[in-house]
């Protein structure tokens, strides 16, 4: 099974550049072209939140139109910039989002690897949260199929990155979530967004990965007290390969034209 991931699109469709620097429509077009060119083609694409920069109806409508051009099924979850109701209205006909309830979490059951989508959006600030209702839902969902290999995808990483300005807002109930994850050995990995960097960490007895953004990357600054900043580093698309023999293998595919594959030749002595 092959899974691609896109994250933190921060789409603006009003003609304005994001942060005065980035054409987000062009970034999305490049990502779509990249996904459609992947060979072999992934089984699905996970779009892990912050789909838009501001929750405007037009942005979601155009995003849905563009996602329909992707030749692979796309599954969305909300980030802190997203609006649940607008997401429901624009993606509900695909059948996987819950039709009601406070949160947009769900499962995908029709693949060799079971996938669980978690809604970690918190209303009062940008940080993530798993409230008691969401934790209970996750525990019940995992206990229903304890022997089936499972991948969890969510927007907010429930761990620190080491980048001080990104770690200021703690993930609420990260310790309770980690306890649940550690109890369920069928979880082969967790994929997240939000941090705008390619990050991997051993967490909760499994591996957790953060995707780069499609629009800009946060500065990799481990200095205590550093100010928030970003870099115009290349966008990238994580690609996960899973099979029963090797488990989950994470790759990162840079988006852009870097020329064709080059054959190895013997270097002169």
Protein backbone atom coordinates (compact mmCIF):
# COMPACT_ATOMS: atom_id res chain seq x y z
CA UNK A 1 0.00 0.00 0.00
CA UNK A 2 1.28 3.48 -0.92
CA UNK A 3 0.06 6.64 0.81
CA UNK A 4 0.93 10.21 -0.18
CA UNK A 5 0.49 13.21 2.10
CA UNK A 6 0.03 16.92 1.48
CA UNK A 7 -0.25 19.39 4.32
CA UNK A 8 -0.54 23.05 5.25
CA UNK A 9 -1.69 24.41 1.89
CA UNK A 10 -2.92 27.71 3.41
CA UNK A 11 -4.78 28.35 0.18
CA UNK A 12 -5.70 31.92 -0.78
CA UNK A 13 -7.85 32.42 -3.85
CA UNK A 14 -8.19 36.22 -3.61
CA UNK A 15 -5.10 36.91 -5.70
CA UNK A 16 -3.00 37.90 -2.68
CA UNK A 17 0.36 36.31 -1.93
CA UNK A 18 0.59 34.42 1.36
CA UNK A 19 2.83 36.40 3.75
CA UNK A 20 3.54 38.66 0.78
CA UNK A 21 5.75 35.90 -0.71
CA UNK A 22 3.92 32.76 -1.84
CA UNK A 23 1.43 32.13 -4.64
CA UNK A 24 -0.59 29.39 -2.93
CA UNK A 25 -2.64 28.55 -6.04
CA UNK A 26 0.57 27.92 -7.96
CA UNK A 27 1.85 25.79 -5.08
CA UNK A 28 -1.32 23.70 -5.14
CA UNK A 29 -1.12 23.30 -8.94
CA UNK A 30 2.48 22.09 -8.62
CA UNK A 31 1.46 19.59 -5.95
CA UNK A 32 -1.40 18.26 -8.08
CA UNK A 33 0.91 17.80 -11.05
CA UNK A 34 3.42 16.06 -8.80
CA UNK A 35 0.87 13.68 -7.28
CA UNK A 36 -0.58 12.76 -10.65
CA UNK A 37 2.91 11.97 -11.97
CA UNK A 38 3.90 9.62 -9.14
CA UNK A 39 4.56 6.10 -10.40
CA UNK A 40 3.38 3.74 -9.17
CA UNK A 41 0.36 5.80 -8.24
CA UNK A 42 -0.43 5.94 -4.49
CA UNK A 43 -3.61 4.33 -3.22
CA UNK A 44 -4.72 7.55 -1.54
CA UNK A 45 -3.67 11.05 -0.48
CA UNK A 46 -4.00 12.38 3.06
CA UNK A 47 -4.52 16.17 3.24
CA UNK A 48 -3.62 16.87 6.85
CA UNK A 49 -5.12 20.23 7.61
CA UNK A 50 -4.64 23.97 7.27
CA UNK A 51 -6.16 23.54 3.84
CA UNK A 52 -6.95 27.26 3.66
CA UNK A 53 -5.35 30.28 5.28
CA UNK A 54 -8.62 32.00 6.20
CA UNK A 55 -11.93 30.15 6.27
CA UNK A 56 -13.66 31.63 3.23
CA UNK A 57 -16.34 29.80 1.27
CA UNK A 58 -14.65 30.59 -2.04
CA UNK A 59 -11.36 29.05 -0.92
CA UNK A 60 -12.98 25.71 -0.05
CA UNK A 61 -14.99 25.68 -3.26
CA UNK A 62 -11.92 26.22 -5.40
CA UNK A 63 -9.93 23.74 -3.33
CA UNK A 64 -12.56 21.05 -3.88
CA UNK A 65 -12.52 21.77 -7.61
CA UNK A 66 -8.75 21.42 -7.67
CA UNK A 67 -8.72 18.28 -5.51
CA UNK A 68 -11.10 16.68 -8.01
CA UNK A 69 -8.28 16.94 -10.56
CA UNK A 70 -6.09 14.63 -8.46
CA UNK A 71 -6.26 11.14 -9.95
CA UNK A 72 -6.04 9.57 -6.50
CA UNK A 73 -8.69 9.63 -3.73
CA UNK A 74 -8.03 12.49 -1.29
CA UNK A 75 -9.06 12.44 2.39
CA UNK A 76 -9.09 15.64 4.43
CA UNK A 77 -8.90 16.55 8.11
CA UNK A 78 -9.10 20.03 9.68
CA UNK A 79 -6.23 22.11 10.97
CA UNK A 80 -6.37 25.19 13.15
CA UNK A 81 -6.96 27.44 10.11
CA UNK A 82 -9.90 25.37 8.88
CA UNK A 83 -13.65 25.59 9.42
CA UNK A 84 -15.41 22.29 10.08
CA UNK A 85 -18.78 23.34 8.69
CA UNK A 86 -17.30 24.63 5.46
CA UNK A 87 -15.29 21.44 5.08
CA UNK A 88 -18.41 19.33 5.60
CA UNK A 89 -20.35 21.27 2.98
CA UNK A 90 -17.62 20.97 0.37
CA UNK A 91 -16.57 17.35 0.93
CA UNK A 92 -19.68 15.66 2.36
CA UNK A 93 -20.75 14.07 -0.93
CA UNK A 94 -17.59 11.92 -0.89
CA UNK A 95 -19.11 10.00 2.01
CA UNK A 96 -16.24 9.69 4.47
CA UNK A 97 -16.73 12.75 6.70
CA UNK A 98 -19.25 12.35 9.55
CA UNK A 99 -22.57 14.02 8.71
CA UNK A 100 -23.02 15.35 12.24
CA UNK A 101 -21.23 15.67 15.55
CA UNK A 102 -18.74 18.18 16.87
CA UNK A 103 -15.62 16.66 15.29
CA UNK A 104 -14.45 15.47 11.87
CA UNK A 105 -12.83 12.17 12.77
CA UNK A 106 -13.46 8.94 10.88
CA UNK A 107 -11.92 5.65 9.75
CA UNK A 108 -11.00 4.23 6.34
CA UNK A 109 -11.54 0.49 6.31
CA UNK A 110 -11.17 -0.59 2.67
CA UNK A 111 -7.39 -0.92 2.45
CA UNK A 112 -4.76 -3.38 3.75
CA UNK A 113 -3.81 -0.74 6.33
CA UNK A 114 -6.59 0.67 8.48
CA UNK A 115 -6.55 4.48 8.70
CA UNK A 116 -7.92 6.59 11.54
CA UNK A 117 -8.42 10.34 11.02
CA UNK A 118 -8.27 12.49 14.15
CA UNK A 119 -9.69 16.00 14.45
CA UNK A 120 -7.27 17.87 16.74
CA UNK A 121 -8.54 21.41 16.11
CA UNK A 122 -8.95 23.54 19.24
CA UNK A 123 -11.29 26.50 19.12
CA UNK A 124 -9.46 29.03 21.27
CA UNK A 125 -5.94 28.95 19.84
CA UNK A 126 -3.67 27.37 17.23
CA UNK A 127 -2.50 24.47 19.37
CA UNK A 128 -3.88 20.96 19.17
CA UNK A 129 -6.12 19.06 21.54
CA UNK A 130 -7.63 15.66 22.17
CA UNK A 131 -10.48 16.31 24.61
CA UNK A 132 -12.01 13.48 26.64
CA UNK A 133 -14.75 12.87 24.06
CA UNK A 134 -12.18 12.50 21.28
CA UNK A 135 -9.93 10.30 23.41
CA UNK A 136 -12.88 8.04 24.21
CA UNK A 137 -13.79 7.81 20.51
CA UNK A 138 -10.22 6.88 19.61
CA UNK A 139 -9.97 4.24 22.33
CA UNK A 140 -13.24 2.63 21.24
CA UNK A 141 -12.22 2.74 17.58
CA UNK A 142 -8.87 1.11 18.24
CA UNK A 143 -10.33 -1.57 20.52
CA UNK A 144 -12.77 -2.60 17.79
CA UNK A 145 -9.90 -4.01 15.66
CA UNK A 146 -6.92 -4.57 17.96
CA UNK A 147 -5.07 -6.91 15.59
CA UNK A 148 -5.31 -4.87 12.40
CA UNK A 149 -2.33 -2.73 11.34
CA UNK A 150 -3.42 0.90 11.72
CA UNK A 151 -2.11 4.32 10.68
CA UNK A 152 -3.33 7.48 12.43
CA UNK A 153 -3.34 10.85 10.67
CA UNK A 154 -3.95 14.22 12.31
CA UNK A 155 -2.99 17.88 11.93
CA UNK A 156 -1.22 18.78 15.18
CA UNK A 157 1.82 16.79 16.33
CA UNK A 158 1.32 15.77 19.98
CA UNK A 159 5.04 16.16 20.71
CA UNK A 160 7.62 18.96 20.74
CA UNK A 161 9.74 19.67 17.69
CA UNK A 162 12.71 21.40 19.33
CA UNK A 163 11.86 24.59 17.41
CA UNK A 164 11.00 26.92 20.27
CA UNK A 165 8.54 29.23 18.55
CA UNK A 166 6.56 26.22 17.26
CA UNK A 167 6.47 24.54 20.69
CA UNK A 168 4.97 27.48 22.60
CA UNK A 169 1.40 26.17 22.38
CA UNK A 170 1.28 22.71 23.98
CA UNK A 171 -0.94 19.93 22.69
CA UNK A 172 -3.69 19.52 25.30
CA UNK A 173 -3.88 15.97 26.70
CA UNK A 174 -0.83 14.79 24.78
CA UNK A 175 0.05 12.54 27.72
CA UNK A 176 -3.37 10.86 27.67
CA UNK A 177 -3.15 10.37 23.93
CA UNK A 178 0.30 8.86 24.25
CA UNK A 179 -0.98 6.38 26.83
CA UNK A 180 -3.66 5.18 24.40
CA UNK A 181 -1.19 4.96 21.50
CA UNK A 182 1.32 2.99 23.59
CA UNK A 183 -1.38 0.50 24.64
CA UNK A 184 -2.24 -0.30 21.02
CA UNK A 185 0.62 -2.10 19.35
CA UNK A 186 -1.30 -2.35 16.06
CA UNK A 187 -0.50 1.32 15.36
CA UNK A 188 2.28 1.33 12.76
CA UNK A 189 2.67 5.11 12.67
CA UNK A 190 1.22 8.60 13.07
CA UNK A 191 1.39 11.27 10.36
CA UNK A 192 0.88 14.96 11.14
CA UNK A 193 1.22 18.45 9.69
CA UNK A 194 1.25 21.91 11.29
CA UNK A 195 5.01 22.22 11.89
CA UNK A 196 5.90 23.00 8.24
CA UNK A 197 8.99 20.77 8.38
CA UNK A 198 9.99 17.18 7.70
CA UNK A 199 10.27 15.76 11.24
CA UNK A 200 10.30 12.20 12.59
CA UNK A 201 10.32 11.03 16.21
CA UNK A 202 9.81 7.85 18.20
CA UNK A 203 6.66 8.53 20.24
CA UNK A 204 4.13 6.40 22.06
CA UNK A 205 5.87 3.18 21.06
CA UNK A 206 5.59 3.95 17.34
CA UNK A 207 7.02 6.38 14.79
CA UNK A 208 5.45 9.80 14.27
CA UNK A 209 6.16 11.94 11.20
CA UNK A 210 5.45 15.59 10.36
CA UNK A 211 5.05 16.68 6.74
CA UNK A 212 6.64 19.71 5.11
CA UNK A 213 4.23 22.39 3.91
CA UNK A 214 3.28 23.03 0.31
CA UNK A 215 3.87 26.77 0.70
CA UNK A 216 6.81 27.53 3.04
CA UNK A 217 8.86 25.82 5.75
CA UNK A 218 9.40 27.01 9.30
CA UNK A 219 12.98 28.02 10.02
CA UNK A 220 14.91 25.18 11.65
CA UNK A 221 16.07 27.26 14.60
CA UNK A 222 16.75 25.43 17.86
CA UNK A 223 17.92 28.59 19.65
CA UNK A 224 16.11 29.26 22.91
CA UNK A 225 13.81 32.26 22.58
CA UNK A 226 14.11 32.50 18.81
CA UNK A 227 11.51 34.55 16.95
CA UNK A 228 9.13 32.90 14.52
CA UNK A 229 10.24 32.94 10.89
CA UNK A 230 9.94 30.92 7.72
CA UNK A 231 12.04 29.86 4.75
CA UNK A 232 11.17 29.49 1.09
CA UNK A 233 12.58 25.97 1.01
CA UNK A 234 11.17 23.43 -1.47
CA UNK A 235 7.71 22.00 -0.94
CA UNK A 236 7.56 18.24 -0.50
CA UNK A 237 5.15 15.35 -0.43
CA UNK A 238 5.74 12.52 2.06
CA UNK A 239 5.13 9.09 0.55
CA UNK A 240 4.62 6.09 2.84
CA UNK A 241 5.10 2.50 1.71
CA UNK A 242 3.54 -0.19 3.87
CA UNK A 243 3.66 -3.97 3.59
CA UNK A 244 3.37 -6.80 6.06
CA UNK A 245 7.04 -7.77 5.77
CA UNK A 246 8.65 -4.39 6.43
CA UNK A 247 5.93 -2.31 8.09
CA UNK A 248 5.79 1.43 7.37
CA UNK A 249 8.60 3.07 5.37
CA UNK A 250 8.58 6.87 5.07
CA UNK A 251 9.97 8.73 2.04
CA UNK A 252 9.87 12.42 1.14
CA UNK A 253 9.38 13.46 -2.49
CA UNK A 254 10.46 17.02 -3.31
CA UNK A 255 8.04 18.96 -5.50
CA UNK A 256 9.69 20.65 -8.46
CA UNK A 257 11.60 19.95 -11.65
CA UNK A 258 14.98 18.43 -10.85
CA UNK A 259 15.49 16.80 -14.23
CA UNK A 260 15.13 13.15 -15.27
CA UNK A 261 16.73 10.18 -13.47
CA UNK A 262 20.45 9.86 -14.18
CA UNK A 263 22.14 6.54 -14.82
CA UNK A 264 25.17 5.74 -12.72
CA UNK A 265 28.43 5.71 -14.65
CA UNK A 266 31.92 4.69 -13.59
CA UNK A 267 33.78 7.68 -12.21
CA UNK A 268 37.29 8.21 -13.61
CA UNK A 269 40.10 7.12 -11.30
